[in-house]
C-alpha atoms as a PDB file:
ATOM      1  CA  UNK A   1      44.285 -29.752 -24.664  1.00  0.00           C
ATOM      2  CA  UNK A   2      41.346 -31.851 -25.835  1.00  0.00           C
ATOM      3  CA  UNK A   3      41.202 -33.426 -22.444  1.00  0.00           C
ATOM      4  CA  UNK A   4      41.616 -30.209 -20.296  1.00  0.00           C
ATOM      5  CA  UNK A   5      38.784 -29.856 -17.849  1.00  0.00           C
ATOM      6  CA  UNK A   6      37.472 -26.761 -16.048  1.00  0.00           C
ATOM      7  CA  UNK A   7      36.779 -26.859 -12.313  1.00  0.00           C
ATOM      8  CA  UNK A   8      34.198 -29.534 -11.627  1.00  0.00           C
ATOM      9  CA  UNK A   9      32.360 -27.412  -9.090  1.00  0.00           C
ATOM     10  CA  UNK A  10      31.834 -24.729 -11.750  1.00  0.00           C
ATOM     11  CA  UNK A  11      30.335 -27.272 -14.114  1.00  0.00           C
ATOM     12  CA  UNK A  12      28.052 -28.423 -11.339  1.00  0.00           C
ATOM     13  CA  UNK A  13      26.961 -24.850 -10.660  1.00  0.00           C
ATOM     14  CA  UNK A  14      26.257 -24.285 -14.388  1.00  0.00           C
ATOM     15  CA  UNK A  15      24.056 -27.444 -14.407  1.00  0.00           C
ATOM     16  CA  UNK A  16      21.996 -25.893 -11.588  1.00  0.00           C
ATOM     17  CA  UNK A  17      21.139 -22.718 -13.416  1.00  0.00           C
ATOM     18  CA  UNK A  18      20.450 -24.162 -16.856  1.00  0.00           C
ATOM     19  CA  UNK A  19      17.298 -25.676 -18.165  1.00  0.00           C
ATOM     20  CA  UNK A  20      17.952 -29.489 -18.257  1.00  0.00           C
ATOM     21  CA  UNK A  21      17.356 -29.561 -21.994  1.00  0.00           C
ATOM     22  CA  UNK A  22      19.842 -26.798 -22.691  1.00  0.00           C
ATOM     23  CA  UNK A  23      22.654 -28.230 -20.443  1.00  0.00           C
ATOM     24  CA  UNK A  24      24.479 -30.284 -23.024  1.00  0.00           C
ATOM     25  CA  UNK A  25      24.504 -27.584 -25.629  1.00  0.00           C
ATOM     26  CA  UNK A  26      25.595 -24.684 -23.436  1.00  0.00           C
ATOM     27  CA  UNK A  27      28.121 -26.801 -21.405  1.00  0.00           C
ATOM     28  CA  UNK A  28      29.485 -28.260 -24.620  1.00  0.00           C
ATOM     29  CA  UNK A  29      30.000 -24.783 -26.181  1.00  0.00           C
ATOM     30  CA  UNK A  30      31.719 -23.480 -23.039  1.00  0.00           C
ATOM     31  CA  UNK A  31      33.929 -26.559 -22.809  1.00  0.00           C
ATOM     32  CA  UNK A  32      34.891 -26.256 -26.466  1.00  0.00           C
ATOM     33  CA  UNK A  33      35.815 -22.602 -26.110  1.00  0.00           C
ATOM     34  CA  UNK A  34      37.751 -23.408 -22.896  1.00  0.00           C
ATOM     35  CA  UNK A  35      39.725 -26.299 -24.537  1.00  0.00           C
ATOM     36  CA  UNK A  36      40.353 -24.836 -27.957  1.00  0.00           C
ATOM     37  CA  UNK A  37      40.871 -21.107 -27.386  1.00  0.00           C
ATOM     38  CA  UNK A  38      41.168 -20.125 -23.678  1.00  0.00           C
ATOM     39  CA  UNK A  39      43.366 -22.824 -22.104  1.00  0.00           C
ATOM     40  CA  UNK A  40      46.013 -22.984 -24.816  1.00  0.00           C
ATOM     41  CA  UNK A  41      46.505 -19.190 -24.894  1.00  0.00           C
ATOM     42  CA  UNK A  42      46.055 -18.306 -21.220  1.00  0.00           C
ATOM     43  CA  UNK A  43      47.184 -21.242 -19.202  1.00  0.00           C
ATOM     44  CA  UNK A  44      45.422 -23.326 -16.621  1.00  0.00           C
ATOM     45  CA  UNK A  45      44.767 -20.705 -13.915  1.00  0.00           C
ATOM     46  CA  UNK A  46      43.519 -17.926 -16.208  1.00  0.00           C
ATOM     47  CA  UNK A  47      41.407 -20.430 -18.150  1.00  0.00           C
ATOM     48  CA  UNK A  48      39.832 -21.696 -14.920  1.00  0.00           C
ATOM     49  CA  UNK A  49      39.121 -18.059 -13.952  1.00  0.00           C
ATOM     50  CA  UNK A  50      37.590 -17.436 -17.308  1.00  0.00           C
ATOM     51  CA  UNK A  51      35.325 -20.458 -17.021  1.00  0.00           C
ATOM     52  CA  UNK A  52      34.215 -19.465 -13.472  1.00  0.00           C
ATOM     53  CA  UNK A  53      33.392 -15.929 -14.721  1.00  0.00           C
ATOM     54  CA  UNK A  54      31.204 -17.480 -17.522  1.00  0.00           C
ATOM     55  CA  UNK A  55      29.351 -19.654 -15.049  1.00  0.00           C
ATOM     56  CA  UNK A  56      28.861 -16.762 -12.587  1.00  0.00           C
ATOM     57  CA  UNK A  57      27.386 -14.779 -15.413  1.00  0.00           C
ATOM     58  CA  UNK A  58      24.823 -17.459 -15.950  1.00  0.00           C
ATOM     59  CA  UNK A  59      24.107 -17.565 -12.178  1.00  0.00           C
ATOM     60  CA  UNK A  60      23.647 -13.773 -12.019  1.00  0.00           C
ATOM     61  CA  UNK A  61      21.480 -13.606 -15.215  1.00  0.00           C
ATOM     62  CA  UNK A  62      19.194 -16.464 -14.093  1.00  0.00           C
ATOM     63  CA  UNK A  63      18.524 -14.547 -10.787  1.00  0.00           C
ATOM     64  CA  UNK A  64      18.366 -10.874 -11.802  1.00  0.00           C
ATOM     65  CA  UNK A  65      14.608 -10.771 -11.903  1.00  0.00           C
ATOM     66  CA  UNK A  66      13.979 -12.128  -8.369  1.00  0.00           C
ATOM     67  CA  UNK A  67      16.932 -10.171  -7.067  1.00  0.00           C
ATOM     68  CA  UNK A  68      15.534  -6.855  -8.401  1.00  0.00           C
ATOM     69  CA  UNK A  69      12.097  -7.816  -7.016  1.00  0.00           C
ATOM     70  CA  UNK A  70      13.450  -8.621  -3.604  1.00  0.00           C
ATOM     71  CA  UNK A  71      15.785  -5.675  -3.396  1.00  0.00           C
ATOM     72  CA  UNK A  72      13.124  -3.365  -4.763  1.00  0.00           C
ATOM     73  CA  UNK A  73      10.655  -4.491  -2.158  1.00  0.00           C
ATOM     74  CA  UNK A  74      13.238  -3.968   0.577  1.00  0.00           C
ATOM     75  CA  UNK A  75      14.048  -0.428  -0.698  1.00  0.00           C
ATOM     76  CA  UNK A  76      10.437   0.465  -1.000  1.00  0.00           C
ATOM     77  CA  UNK A  77       9.799  -0.817   2.565  1.00  0.00           C
ATOM     78  CA  UNK A  78      12.721   1.299   3.765  1.00  0.00           C
ATOM     79  CA  UNK A  79      11.510   4.387   2.053  1.00  0.00           C
ATOM     80  CA  UNK A  80       8.064   3.987   3.546  1.00  0.00           C
ATOM     81  CA  UNK A  81       9.485   3.528   7.072  1.00  0.00           C
ATOM     82  CA  UNK A  82      11.599   6.673   6.623  1.00  0.00           C
ATOM     83  CA  UNK A  83       9.154   8.902   4.857  1.00  0.00           C
ATOM     84  CA  UNK A  84       5.795   7.692   6.214  1.00  0.00           C
ATOM     85  CA  UNK A  85       6.652   6.242   9.720  1.00  0.00           C
ATOM     86  CA  UNK A  86       3.756   4.192  11.009  1.00  0.00           C
ATOM     87  CA  UNK A  87       2.462   4.091  14.501  1.00  0.00           C
ATOM     88  CA  UNK A  88       3.384   0.405  14.620  1.00  0.00           C
ATOM     89  CA  UNK A  89       5.480  -1.698  12.234  1.00  0.00           C
ATOM     90  CA  UNK A  90       3.656  -5.019  12.515  1.00  0.00           C
ATOM     91  CA  UNK A  91       1.466  -4.772   9.415  1.00  0.00           C
ATOM     92  CA  UNK A  92       4.366  -3.563   7.192  1.00  0.00           C
ATOM     93  CA  UNK A  93       6.671  -6.180   8.563  1.00  0.00           C
ATOM     94  CA  UNK A  94       4.085  -8.905   7.916  1.00  0.00           C
ATOM     95  CA  UNK A  95       3.525  -7.686   4.332  1.00  0.00           C
ATOM     96  CA  UNK A  96       7.239  -7.336   3.502  1.00  0.00           C
ATOM     97  CA  UNK A  97       8.021 -10.770   5.035  1.00  0.00           C
ATOM     98  CA  UNK A  98       5.269 -12.414   2.917  1.00  0.00           C
ATOM     99  CA  UNK A  99       6.470 -10.702  -0.203  1.00  0.00           C
ATOM    100  CA  UNK A 100      10.017 -11.775   0.349  1.00  0.00           C
ATOM    101  CA  UNK A 101       9.078 -15.362   1.212  1.00  0.00           C
ATOM    102  CA  UNK A 102       6.910 -15.519  -1.969  1.00  0.00           C
ATOM    103  CA  UNK A 103       9.638 -14.313  -4.268  1.00  0.00           C
ATOM    104  CA  UNK A 104      12.113 -16.852  -2.850  1.00  0.00           C
ATOM    105  CA  UNK A 105       9.662 -19.801  -2.886  1.00  0.00           C
ATOM    106  CA  UNK A 106       8.410 -19.048  -6.393  1.00  0.00           C
ATOM    107  CA  UNK A 107      11.864 -18.586  -7.852  1.00  0.00           C
ATOM    108  CA  UNK A 108      13.249 -21.566  -6.097  1.00  0.00           C
ATOM    109  CA  UNK A 109      10.430 -23.577  -7.574  1.00  0.00           C
ATOM    110  CA  UNK A 110      11.146 -22.165 -11.088  1.00  0.00           C
ATOM    111  CA  UNK A 111      14.824 -22.796 -10.865  1.00  0.00           C
ATOM    112  CA  UNK A 112      14.333 -26.454  -9.759  1.00  0.00           C
ATOM    113  CA  UNK A 113      11.633 -26.947 -12.355  1.00  0.00           C
ATOM    114  CA  UNK A 114      14.088 -25.918 -15.100  1.00  0.00           C
ATOM    115  CA  UNK A 115      17.049 -27.964 -13.889  1.00  0.00           C
ATOM    116  CA  UNK A 116      15.319 -30.859 -12.232  1.00  0.00           C
ATOM    117  CA  UNK A 117      17.234 -30.611  -8.991  1.00  0.00           C
ATOM    118  CA  UNK A 118      16.467 -29.305  -5.505  1.00  0.00           C
ATOM    119  CA  UNK A 119      19.937 -27.705  -5.246  1.00  0.00           C
ATOM    120  CA  UNK A 120      18.942 -25.199  -7.921  1.00  0.00           C
ATOM    121  CA  UNK A 121      16.251 -23.745  -5.573  1.00  0.00           C
ATOM    122  CA  UNK A 122      18.894 -23.344  -2.873  1.00  0.00           C
ATOM    123  CA  UNK A 123      21.329 -21.705  -5.317  1.00  0.00           C
ATOM    124  CA  UNK A 124      18.548 -19.434  -6.456  1.00  0.00           C
ATOM    125  CA  UNK A 125      17.857 -18.425  -2.841  1.00  0.00           C
ATOM    126  CA  UNK A 126      21.535 -17.527  -2.309  1.00  0.00           C
ATOM    127  CA  UNK A 127      21.893 -15.593  -5.557  1.00  0.00           C
ATOM    128  CA  UNK A 128      18.600 -13.775  -5.187  1.00  0.00           C
ATOM    129  CA  UNK A 129      19.278 -12.587  -1.668  1.00  0.00           C
ATOM    130  CA  UNK A 130      22.930 -11.660  -2.495  1.00  0.00           C
ATOM    131  CA  UNK A 131      21.741  -9.686  -5.513  1.00  0.00           C
ATOM    132  CA  UNK A 132      19.052  -8.034  -3.383  1.00  0.00           C
ATOM    133  CA  UNK A 133      21.497  -7.206  -0.599  1.00  0.00           C
ATOM    134  CA  UNK A 134      23.691  -5.375  -3.117  1.00  0.00           C
ATOM    135  CA  UNK A 135      20.707  -3.581  -4.702  1.00  0.00           C
ATOM    136  CA  UNK A 136      19.158  -2.656  -1.347  1.00  0.00           C
ATOM    137  CA  UNK A 137      22.477  -1.209  -0.177  1.00  0.00           C
ATOM    138  CA  UNK A 138      22.761   0.968  -3.252  1.00  0.00           C
ATOM    139  CA  UNK A 139      19.042   1.943  -2.987  1.00  0.00           C
ATOM    140  CA  UNK A 140      19.422   2.830   0.727  1.00  0.00           C
ATOM    141  CA  UNK A 141      22.478   4.983   0.057  1.00  0.00           C
ATOM    142  CA  UNK A 142      20.516   6.858  -2.632  1.00  0.00           C
ATOM    143  CA  UNK A 143      17.592   7.337  -0.279  1.00  0.00           C
ATOM    144  CA  UNK A 144      19.948   8.658   2.346  1.00  0.00           C
ATOM    145  CA  UNK A 145      21.636  10.973  -0.174  1.00  0.00           C
ATOM    146  CA  UNK A 146      18.243  12.454  -1.128  1.00  0.00           C
ATOM    147  CA  UNK A 147      16.521  12.537   2.282  1.00  0.00           C
ATOM    148  CA  UNK A 148      18.844  13.282   5.181  1.00  0.00           C
ATOM    149  CA  UNK A 149      16.902  16.035   7.015  1.00  0.00           C
ATOM    150  CA  UNK A 150      16.387  15.853  10.825  1.00  0.00           C
ATOM    151  CA  UNK A 151      12.876  14.418  10.564  1.00  0.00           C
ATOM    152  CA  UNK A 152      14.040  11.609   8.273  1.00  0.00           C
ATOM    153  CA  UNK A 153      17.062  10.872  10.429  1.00  0.00           C
ATOM    154  CA  UNK A 154      14.713  10.631  13.431  1.00  0.00           C
ATOM    155  CA  UNK A 155      12.388   8.268  11.482  1.00  0.00           C
ATOM    156  CA  UNK A 156      15.401   6.150  10.528  1.00  0.00           C
ATOM    157  CA  UNK A 157      16.390   5.733  14.153  1.00  0.00           C
ATOM    158  CA  UNK A 158      12.780   4.965  15.062  1.00  0.00           C
ATOM    159  CA  UNK A 159      12.631   2.160  12.483  1.00  0.00           C
ATOM    160  CA  UNK A 160      15.709   0.318  13.639  1.00  0.00           C
ATOM    161  CA  UNK A 161      18.531   2.573  12.545  1.00  0.00           C
ATOM    162  CA  UNK A 162      20.982   2.399   9.608  1.00  0.00           C
ATOM    163  CA  UNK A 163      22.767  -0.644  10.997  1.00  0.00           C
ATOM    164  CA  UNK A 164      19.628  -2.707  10.614  1.00  0.00           C
ATOM    165  CA  UNK A 165      18.962  -1.432   7.148  1.00  0.00           C
ATOM    166  CA  UNK A 166      22.461  -2.434   5.935  1.00  0.00           C
ATOM    167  CA  UNK A 167      22.797  -5.714   7.910  1.00  0.00           C
ATOM    168  CA  UNK A 168      19.351  -7.172   7.448  1.00  0.00           C
ATOM    169  CA  UNK A 169      19.607  -7.927   3.695  1.00  0.00           C
ATOM    170  CA  UNK A 170      22.891  -9.873   4.297  1.00  0.00           C
ATOM    171  CA  UNK A 171      21.377 -11.795   7.146  1.00  0.00           C
ATOM    172  CA  UNK A 172      18.481 -12.847   4.832  1.00  0.00           C
ATOM    173  CA  UNK A 173      20.834 -15.022   2.787  1.00  0.00           C
ATOM    174  CA  UNK A 174      20.583 -18.038   5.111  1.00  0.00           C
ATOM    175  CA  UNK A 175      16.703 -18.043   5.185  1.00  0.00           C
ATOM    176  CA  UNK A 176      16.876 -17.315   1.470  1.00  0.00           C
ATOM    177  CA  UNK A 177      18.685 -20.616   0.925  1.00  0.00           C
ATOM    178  CA  UNK A 178      16.186 -22.472   2.999  1.00  0.00           C
ATOM    179  CA  UNK A 179      13.169 -20.886   1.285  1.00  0.00           C
ATOM    180  CA  UNK A 180      14.712 -21.455  -2.154  1.00  0.00           C
ATOM    181  CA  UNK A 181      15.301 -25.063  -1.290  1.00  0.00           C
ATOM    182  CA  UNK A 182      11.750 -25.523  -0.167  1.00  0.00           C
ATOM    183  CA  UNK A 183      10.578 -24.087  -3.480  1.00  0.00           C
ATOM    184  CA  UNK A 184      13.165 -26.398  -5.004  1.00  0.00           C
ATOM    185  CA  UNK A 185      11.428 -29.512  -3.645  1.00  0.00           C
ATOM    186  CA  UNK A 186       8.154 -28.422  -5.312  1.00  0.00           C
ATOM    187  CA  UNK A 187       9.874 -27.587  -8.595  1.00  0.00           C
ATOM    188  CA  UNK A 188      11.895 -30.859  -8.633  1.00  0.00           C
ATOM    189  CA  UNK A 189       8.805 -32.996  -7.933  1.00  0.00           C
ATOM    190  CA  UNK A 190       6.898 -31.203 -10.649  1.00  0.00           C
ATOM    191  CA  UNK A 191       9.854 -31.494 -13.082  1.00  0.00           C
ATOM    192  CA  UNK A 192      10.167 -35.263 -12.688  1.00  0.00           C
ATOM    193  CA  UNK A 193       6.349 -35.815 -12.466  1.00  0.00           C
ATOM    194  CA  UNK A 194       5.917 -34.119 -15.923  1.00  0.00           C
ATOM    195  CA  UNK A 195       8.823 -36.026 -17.388  1.00  0.00           C
ATOM    196  CA  UNK A 196       7.369 -39.363 -16.264  1.00  0.00           C
ATOM    197  CA  UNK A 197       3.985 -38.616 -17.584  1.00  0.00           C
ATOM    198  CA  UNK A 198       5.289 -37.571 -20.986  1.00  0.00           C
END
């Protein structure tokens, strides 16, 4: 079992979420556990699933903060639209768009700074928006459970309806990838610039 290898794509994903200086240690520890304990006792398919779960844990943990910030901003905006409907939505839309873009750009930059690759920024964008979509769905359901009086239901319809509230976070995954990748360019350039100068 000393030559057993986990799925290559999962190893590549792990590289994207780890700090470049921690990659060898963390990857080596996971590979050792995979080869010595998991694969011999569980077999190939179960061992591969175990390894993938470990990697996904790293992906989620590395994007919890931006996911919570992004999802929290979305839920806060939804609550404002429902409970304090504005005469026009332009200003709120502009502010919430700038907040979302900032979160994705900054976290894409940080992810790529740590790993040294642009792809880490794109992955951060996917993970951040996916976690935010989950959080905003839960948050919106809680808002709806608390406030469902006729005035609030009318405000919901006036702000785009429930279908928009539930579908918009999922639709933001694609722009999230793009914005994370743009941040990734900045982070990667900074990462390699610092390494060359030191």
